[in-house]
Amino acid sequence: MAKAKILMVDDNPDILELMAARLVNDGYEVITATSGEEAVRKATSERPDIALLDISMPVLDGFILGRLLKLDYSTQDIPVIMVTARSSQKDLLRSLSEIHAADYIVKPFKPEELLAKIKKVLEKRNENG
């Protein structure tokens, strides 16, 4: 079975590096982006199996980025998990209603929690074809 390809988007390179290392160790192929603009380009060219989006980023925040991905025919089927320090119910509901996020995880989190969410979303995506 091919490795699942994960697009991770966060404007903090340290967080990206830590999360990417863990995901690679768990057998995933990881693509990183530090801005929404870079993420749009990489999502279109790399066609990841899942995207992990930070909400709080300059210029294109995770909400705008998520909407852009859902509006583009080539990226609309990529499931999104919001990975953010924002823990309000409002942000969670906005993620679910506006961009149809598959899941939502609040920083800081245990790596095992993120891995479990990724696995669940990928399994659901594979079931649905």
N, C-alpha and C. Protein backbone atom coordinates (compact mmCIF):
# COMPACT_ATOMS: atom_id res chain seq x y z
N MET A 1 0.84 -1.19 0.00
CA MET A 1 0.00 0.00 0.00
C MET A 1 0.88 1.24 0.00
N ALA A 2 0.56 2.22 -0.83
CA ALA A 2 1.34 3.45 -0.91
C ALA A 2 1.17 4.27 0.36
N LYS A 3 2.20 5.02 0.67
CA LYS A 3 2.13 5.91 1.82
C LYS A 3 1.13 7.02 1.54
N ALA A 4 0.35 7.37 2.55
CA ALA A 4 -0.54 8.51 2.42
C ALA A 4 0.29 9.78 2.43
N LYS A 5 -0.13 10.73 1.60
CA LYS A 5 0.58 12.01 1.47
C LYS A 5 -0.18 13.07 2.26
N ILE A 6 0.51 13.72 3.19
CA ILE A 6 -0.10 14.72 4.06
C ILE A 6 0.49 16.09 3.77
N LEU A 7 -0.38 17.07 3.53
CA LEU A 7 0.03 18.47 3.41
C LEU A 7 -0.18 19.12 4.77
N MET A 8 0.91 19.61 5.36
CA MET A 8 0.85 20.31 6.65
C MET A 8 1.10 21.79 6.41
N VAL A 9 0.20 22.63 6.93
CA VAL A 9 0.32 24.07 6.73
C VAL A 9 0.32 24.77 8.08
N ASP A 10 1.40 25.47 8.36
CA ASP A 10 1.53 26.23 9.61
C ASP A 10 2.59 27.30 9.38
N ASP A 11 2.35 28.50 9.88
CA ASP A 11 3.34 29.57 9.68
C ASP A 11 4.51 29.47 10.66
N ASN A 12 4.48 28.50 11.56
CA ASN A 12 5.58 28.29 12.50
C ASN A 12 6.43 27.11 12.01
N PRO A 13 7.63 27.38 11.46
CA PRO A 13 8.45 26.30 10.92
C PRO A 13 8.87 25.27 11.96
N ASP A 14 9.01 25.67 13.23
CA ASP A 14 9.38 24.73 14.28
C ASP A 14 8.29 23.68 14.49
N ILE A 15 7.04 24.13 14.51
CA ILE A 15 5.92 23.20 14.66
C ILE A 15 5.86 22.26 13.47
N LEU A 16 6.04 22.82 12.27
CA LEU A 16 6.03 21.98 11.06
C LEU A 16 7.10 20.91 11.12
N GLU A 17 8.29 21.30 11.53
CA GLU A 17 9.41 20.35 11.58
C GLU A 17 9.13 19.22 12.57
N LEU A 18 8.64 19.57 13.75
CA LEU A 18 8.34 18.54 14.76
C LEU A 18 7.23 17.60 14.31
N MET A 19 6.15 18.17 13.80
CA MET A 19 5.03 17.34 13.38
C MET A 19 5.41 16.49 12.17
N ALA A 20 6.14 17.06 11.24
CA ALA A 20 6.54 16.33 10.04
C ALA A 20 7.42 15.14 10.40
N ALA A 21 8.37 15.35 11.31
CA ALA A 21 9.27 14.26 11.72
C ALA A 21 8.47 13.10 12.30
N ARG A 22 7.49 13.41 13.12
CA ARG A 22 6.68 12.35 13.73
C ARG A 22 5.86 11.61 12.68
N LEU A 23 5.28 12.36 11.75
CA LEU A 23 4.46 11.73 10.71
C LEU A 23 5.29 10.86 9.77
N VAL A 24 6.49 11.33 9.42
CA VAL A 24 7.39 10.54 8.58
C VAL A 24 7.77 9.25 9.30
N ASN A 25 8.07 9.36 10.60
CA ASN A 25 8.39 8.16 11.39
C ASN A 25 7.25 7.15 11.42
N ASP A 26 6.03 7.65 11.26
CA ASP A 26 4.86 6.77 11.27
C ASP A 26 4.47 6.33 9.86
N GLY A 27 5.33 6.60 8.89
CA GLY A 27 5.12 6.07 7.55
C GLY A 27 4.40 6.95 6.56
N TYR A 28 4.19 8.19 6.89
CA TYR A 28 3.51 9.10 5.97
C TYR A 28 4.52 9.89 5.13
N GLU A 29 4.10 10.27 3.94
CA GLU A 29 4.86 11.22 3.13
C GLU A 29 4.33 12.60 3.50
N VAL A 30 5.22 13.54 3.80
CA VAL A 30 4.79 14.85 4.29
C VAL A 30 5.28 15.96 3.38
N ILE A 31 4.35 16.85 3.06
CA ILE A 31 4.64 18.07 2.31
C ILE A 31 4.31 19.21 3.25
N THR A 32 5.18 20.20 3.35
CA THR A 32 4.91 21.30 4.26
C THR A 32 4.77 22.62 3.50
N ALA A 33 4.03 23.53 4.11
CA ALA A 33 3.88 24.88 3.59
C ALA A 33 3.77 25.82 4.78
N THR A 34 4.43 26.98 4.68
CA THR A 34 4.39 27.95 5.77
C THR A 34 3.45 29.12 5.50
N SER A 35 2.73 29.07 4.39
CA SER A 35 1.75 30.12 4.09
C SER A 35 0.59 29.51 3.31
N GLY A 36 -0.51 30.21 3.33
CA GLY A 36 -1.67 29.75 2.58
C GLY A 36 -1.41 29.72 1.09
N GLU A 37 -0.68 30.73 0.59
CA GLU A 37 -0.38 30.79 -0.84
C GLU A 37 0.44 29.59 -1.28
N GLU A 38 1.46 29.26 -0.49
CA GLU A 38 2.31 28.11 -0.78
C GLU A 38 1.48 26.82 -0.70
N ALA A 39 0.58 26.76 0.25
CA ALA A 39 -0.27 25.57 0.43
C ALA A 39 -1.17 25.34 -0.77
N VAL A 40 -1.74 26.40 -1.33
CA VAL A 40 -2.60 26.26 -2.50
C VAL A 40 -1.80 25.68 -3.66
N ARG A 41 -0.60 26.22 -3.89
CA ARG A 41 0.26 25.71 -4.98
C ARG A 41 0.58 24.23 -4.77
N LYS A 42 0.98 23.87 -3.55
CA LYS A 42 1.38 22.49 -3.28
C LYS A 42 0.19 21.54 -3.30
N ALA A 43 -0.95 21.98 -2.84
CA ALA A 43 -2.15 21.12 -2.87
C ALA A 43 -2.52 20.81 -4.32
N THR A 44 -2.40 21.80 -5.18
CA THR A 44 -2.75 21.61 -6.59
C THR A 44 -1.74 20.71 -7.30
N SER A 45 -0.47 20.91 -7.01
CA SER A 45 0.56 20.14 -7.72
C SER A 45 0.82 18.77 -7.11
N GLU A 46 0.72 18.64 -5.79
CA GLU A 46 1.07 17.40 -5.10
C GLU A 46 -0.11 16.46 -4.85
N ARG A 47 -1.33 17.02 -4.85
CA ARG A 47 -2.54 16.23 -4.62
C ARG A 47 -2.45 15.35 -3.37
N PRO A 48 -2.32 15.96 -2.20
CA PRO A 48 -2.21 15.18 -0.96
C PRO A 48 -3.49 14.41 -0.66
N ASP A 49 -3.35 13.40 0.19
CA ASP A 49 -4.50 12.60 0.62
C ASP A 49 -5.27 13.28 1.74
N ILE A 50 -4.60 14.20 2.43
CA ILE A 50 -5.21 14.91 3.56
C ILE A 50 -4.42 16.19 3.78
N ALA A 51 -5.09 17.22 4.32
CA ALA A 51 -4.42 18.49 4.63
C ALA A 51 -4.66 18.84 6.09
N LEU A 52 -3.59 19.24 6.76
CA LEU A 52 -3.66 19.72 8.14
C LEU A 52 -3.44 21.23 8.09
N LEU A 53 -4.44 22.01 8.45
CA LEU A 53 -4.37 23.46 8.30
C LEU A 53 -4.41 24.17 9.65
N ASP A 54 -3.46 25.08 9.84
CA ASP A 54 -3.50 25.98 10.99
C ASP A 54 -4.49 27.09 10.65
N ILE A 55 -5.22 27.57 11.62
CA ILE A 55 -6.17 28.66 11.37
C ILE A 55 -5.45 30.00 11.36
N SER A 56 -4.61 30.26 12.36
CA SER A 56 -4.01 31.59 12.53
C SER A 56 -2.73 31.74 11.71
N MET A 57 -2.92 32.22 10.48
CA MET A 57 -1.78 32.51 9.61
C MET A 57 -2.02 33.86 8.95
N PRO A 58 -0.94 34.57 8.63
CA PRO A 58 -1.10 35.86 7.96
C PRO A 58 -1.60 35.68 6.52
N VAL A 59 -2.22 36.69 5.99
CA VAL A 59 -2.75 36.79 4.63
C VAL A 59 -3.87 35.78 4.39
N LEU A 60 -3.55 34.53 4.10
CA LEU A 60 -4.57 33.49 3.92
C LEU A 60 -4.63 32.64 5.18
N ASP A 61 -5.62 32.89 6.04
CA ASP A 61 -5.72 32.07 7.25
C ASP A 61 -6.32 30.70 6.88
N GLY A 62 -6.41 29.81 7.84
CA GLY A 62 -6.88 28.46 7.57
C GLY A 62 -8.31 28.40 7.04
N PHE A 63 -9.16 29.34 7.44
CA PHE A 63 -10.53 29.36 6.94
C PHE A 63 -10.55 29.72 5.45
N ILE A 64 -9.82 30.76 5.09
CA ILE A 64 -9.77 31.16 3.68
C ILE A 64 -9.12 30.05 2.85
N LEU A 65 -8.02 29.52 3.35
CA LEU A 65 -7.33 28.44 2.65
C LEU A 65 -8.25 27.23 2.46
N GLY A 66 -8.95 26.85 3.51
CA GLY A 66 -9.87 25.73 3.42
C GLY A 66 -10.95 25.96 2.38
N ARG A 67 -11.51 27.18 2.33
CA ARG A 67 -12.52 27.51 1.33
C ARG A 67 -11.94 27.45 -0.08
N LEU A 68 -10.72 27.96 -0.26
CA LEU A 68 -10.07 27.91 -1.58
C LEU A 68 -9.88 26.47 -2.04
N LEU A 69 -9.45 25.60 -1.13
CA LEU A 69 -9.26 24.20 -1.49
C LEU A 69 -10.59 23.55 -1.88
N LYS A 70 -11.66 23.87 -1.15
CA LYS A 70 -12.97 23.28 -1.43
C LYS A 70 -13.60 23.82 -2.72
N LEU A 71 -13.21 25.03 -3.14
CA LEU A 71 -13.77 25.62 -4.36
C LEU A 71 -13.06 25.15 -5.63
N ASP A 72 -11.86 24.65 -5.50
CA ASP A 72 -11.07 24.21 -6.66
C ASP A 72 -11.39 22.75 -6.95
N TYR A 73 -11.78 22.46 -8.18
CA TYR A 73 -12.15 21.10 -8.56
C TYR A 73 -11.03 20.10 -8.28
N SER A 74 -9.78 20.50 -8.47
CA SER A 74 -8.65 19.57 -8.31
C SER A 74 -8.31 19.29 -6.85
N THR A 75 -8.80 20.11 -5.92
CA THR A 75 -8.46 19.92 -4.50
C THR A 75 -9.69 19.77 -3.61
N GLN A 76 -10.87 19.84 -4.16
CA GLN A 76 -12.09 19.86 -3.32
C GLN A 76 -12.32 18.59 -2.53
N ASP A 77 -11.75 17.47 -2.96
CA ASP A 77 -11.97 16.21 -2.25
C ASP A 77 -10.91 15.91 -1.19
N ILE A 78 -9.96 16.82 -1.00
CA ILE A 78 -8.93 16.60 0.02
C ILE A 78 -9.54 16.87 1.39
N PRO A 79 -9.59 15.84 2.26
CA PRO A 79 -10.12 16.09 3.61
C PRO A 79 -9.18 17.00 4.40
N VAL A 80 -9.78 17.83 5.23
CA VAL A 80 -9.03 18.82 6.01
C VAL A 80 -9.22 18.56 7.50
N ILE A 81 -8.11 18.59 8.22
CA ILE A 81 -8.15 18.62 9.69
C ILE A 81 -7.57 19.97 10.10
N MET A 82 -8.35 20.72 10.86
CA MET A 82 -7.85 21.99 11.38
C MET A 82 -6.98 21.69 12.60
N VAL A 83 -5.76 22.22 12.60
CA VAL A 83 -4.80 22.02 13.69
C VAL A 83 -4.47 23.42 14.20
N THR A 84 -5.00 23.78 15.37
CA THR A 84 -4.95 25.17 15.77
C THR A 84 -4.88 25.36 17.28
N ALA A 85 -4.41 26.51 17.69
CA ALA A 85 -4.41 26.88 19.11
C ALA A 85 -5.77 27.46 19.51
N ARG A 86 -6.62 27.72 18.52
CA ARG A 86 -7.93 28.33 18.79
C ARG A 86 -8.92 27.26 19.22
N SER A 87 -9.38 27.37 20.45
CA SER A 87 -10.22 26.32 21.03
C SER A 87 -11.68 26.72 21.18
N SER A 88 -12.09 27.83 20.61
CA SER A 88 -13.47 28.27 20.83
C SER A 88 -14.45 27.42 20.04
N GLN A 89 -15.63 27.29 20.58
CA GLN A 89 -16.72 26.57 19.92
C GLN A 89 -17.03 27.23 18.58
N LYS A 90 -16.94 28.56 18.53
CA LYS A 90 -17.23 29.31 17.31
C LYS A 90 -16.28 28.89 16.18
N ASP A 91 -14.99 28.75 16.50
CA ASP A 91 -14.02 28.35 15.47
C ASP A 91 -14.24 26.91 15.03
N LEU A 92 -14.58 26.05 15.96
CA LEU A 92 -14.88 24.66 15.62
C LEU A 92 -16.09 24.60 14.68
N LEU A 93 -17.16 25.27 15.04
CA LEU A 93 -18.37 25.25 14.23
C LEU A 93 -18.13 25.89 12.86
N ARG A 94 -17.35 26.94 12.83
CA ARG A 94 -17.02 27.59 11.55
C ARG A 94 -16.22 26.64 10.66
N SER A 95 -15.30 25.88 11.26
CA SER A 95 -14.51 24.91 10.50
C SER A 95 -15.42 23.83 9.89
N LEU A 96 -16.36 23.36 10.68
CA LEU A 96 -17.25 22.30 10.22
C LEU A 96 -18.25 22.81 9.18
N SER A 97 -18.78 24.00 9.38
CA SER A 97 -19.83 24.49 8.49
C SER A 97 -19.28 25.16 7.22
N GLU A 98 -18.23 25.97 7.34
CA GLU A 98 -17.73 26.71 6.19
C GLU A 98 -16.85 25.89 5.26
N ILE A 99 -15.98 25.07 5.84
CA ILE A 99 -15.06 24.32 4.97
C ILE A 99 -15.25 22.81 5.09
N HIS A 100 -16.25 22.42 5.85
CA HIS A 100 -16.56 20.99 6.01
C HIS A 100 -15.33 20.20 6.46
N ALA A 101 -14.64 20.75 7.46
CA ALA A 101 -13.46 20.07 8.00
C ALA A 101 -13.85 18.68 8.49
N ALA A 102 -12.98 17.72 8.25
CA ALA A 102 -13.22 16.35 8.68
C ALA A 102 -13.00 16.20 10.18
N ASP A 103 -12.13 17.07 10.74
CA ASP A 103 -11.85 17.01 12.17
C ASP A 103 -11.19 18.30 12.60
N TYR A 104 -10.95 18.43 13.90
CA TYR A 104 -10.43 19.66 14.50
C TYR A 104 -9.62 19.24 15.71
N ILE A 105 -8.40 19.73 15.82
CA ILE A 105 -7.56 19.39 16.97
C ILE A 105 -6.91 20.67 17.50
N VAL A 106 -6.89 20.80 18.82
CA VAL A 106 -6.38 22.01 19.45
C VAL A 106 -4.96 21.78 19.97
N LYS A 107 -4.07 22.73 19.63
CA LYS A 107 -2.69 22.71 20.14
C LYS A 107 -2.71 23.22 21.58
N PRO A 108 -1.87 22.73 22.43
CA PRO A 108 -0.98 21.59 22.23
C PRO A 108 -1.78 20.29 22.32
N PHE A 109 -1.30 19.28 21.62
CA PHE A 109 -1.96 17.98 21.62
C PHE A 109 -0.89 16.89 21.69
N LYS A 110 -1.32 15.70 22.01
CA LYS A 110 -0.42 14.56 22.02
C LYS A 110 -0.29 14.04 20.58
N PRO A 111 0.90 13.70 20.14
CA PRO A 111 1.07 13.21 18.77
C PRO A 111 0.14 12.03 18.46
N GLU A 112 -0.08 11.17 19.44
CA GLU A 112 -0.95 10.01 19.22
C GLU A 112 -2.39 10.44 18.88
N GLU A 113 -2.82 11.55 19.46
CA GLU A 113 -4.16 12.06 19.17
C GLU A 113 -4.26 12.49 17.71
N LEU A 114 -3.26 13.22 17.23
CA LEU A 114 -3.26 13.64 15.83
C LEU A 114 -3.18 12.43 14.91
N LEU A 115 -2.32 11.48 15.22
CA LEU A 115 -2.18 10.29 14.39
C LEU A 115 -3.50 9.51 14.30
N ALA A 116 -4.21 9.41 15.42
CA ALA A 116 -5.49 8.71 15.43
C ALA A 116 -6.51 9.44 14.55
N LYS A 117 -6.53 10.77 14.61
CA LYS A 117 -7.47 11.54 13.79
C LYS A 117 -7.13 11.38 12.30
N ILE A 118 -5.84 11.43 11.98
CA ILE A 118 -5.42 11.26 10.58
C ILE A 118 -5.85 9.88 10.08
N LYS A 119 -5.58 8.87 10.86
CA LYS A 119 -5.93 7.49 10.47
C LYS A 119 -7.44 7.37 10.23
N LYS A 120 -8.24 7.93 11.14
CA LYS A 120 -9.69 7.86 11.02
C LYS A 120 -10.17 8.55 9.74
N VAL A 121 -9.65 9.72 9.46
CA VAL A 121 -10.07 10.47 8.27
C VAL A 121 -9.63 9.74 7.00
N LEU A 122 -8.42 9.20 6.98
CA LEU A 122 -7.96 8.48 5.79
C LEU A 122 -8.77 7.20 5.57
N GLU A 123 -9.10 6.50 6.65
CA GLU A 123 -9.92 5.29 6.52
C GLU A 123 -11.30 5.63 5.94
N LYS A 124 -11.88 6.70 6.43
CA LYS A 124 -13.19 7.11 5.94
C LYS A 124 -13.11 7.50 4.46
N ARG A 125 -12.03 8.20 4.10
CA ARG A 125 -11.85 8.62 2.70
C ARG A 125 -11.72 7.38 1.81
N ASN A 126 -10.97 6.38 2.26
CA ASN A 126 -10.78 5.16 1.47
C ASN A 126 -12.07 4.37 1.33
N GLU A 127 -12.89 4.37 2.38
CA GLU A 127 -14.19 3.69 2.33
C GLU A 127 -15.11 4.33 1.31
N ASN A 128 -15.05 5.67 1.24
CA ASN A 128 -15.94 6.42 0.35
C ASN A 128 -15.40 6.48 -1.08
N GLY A 129 -14.16 6.03 -1.26
CA GLY A 129 -13.58 6.03 -2.61
C GLY A 129 -13.10 7.36 -2.96
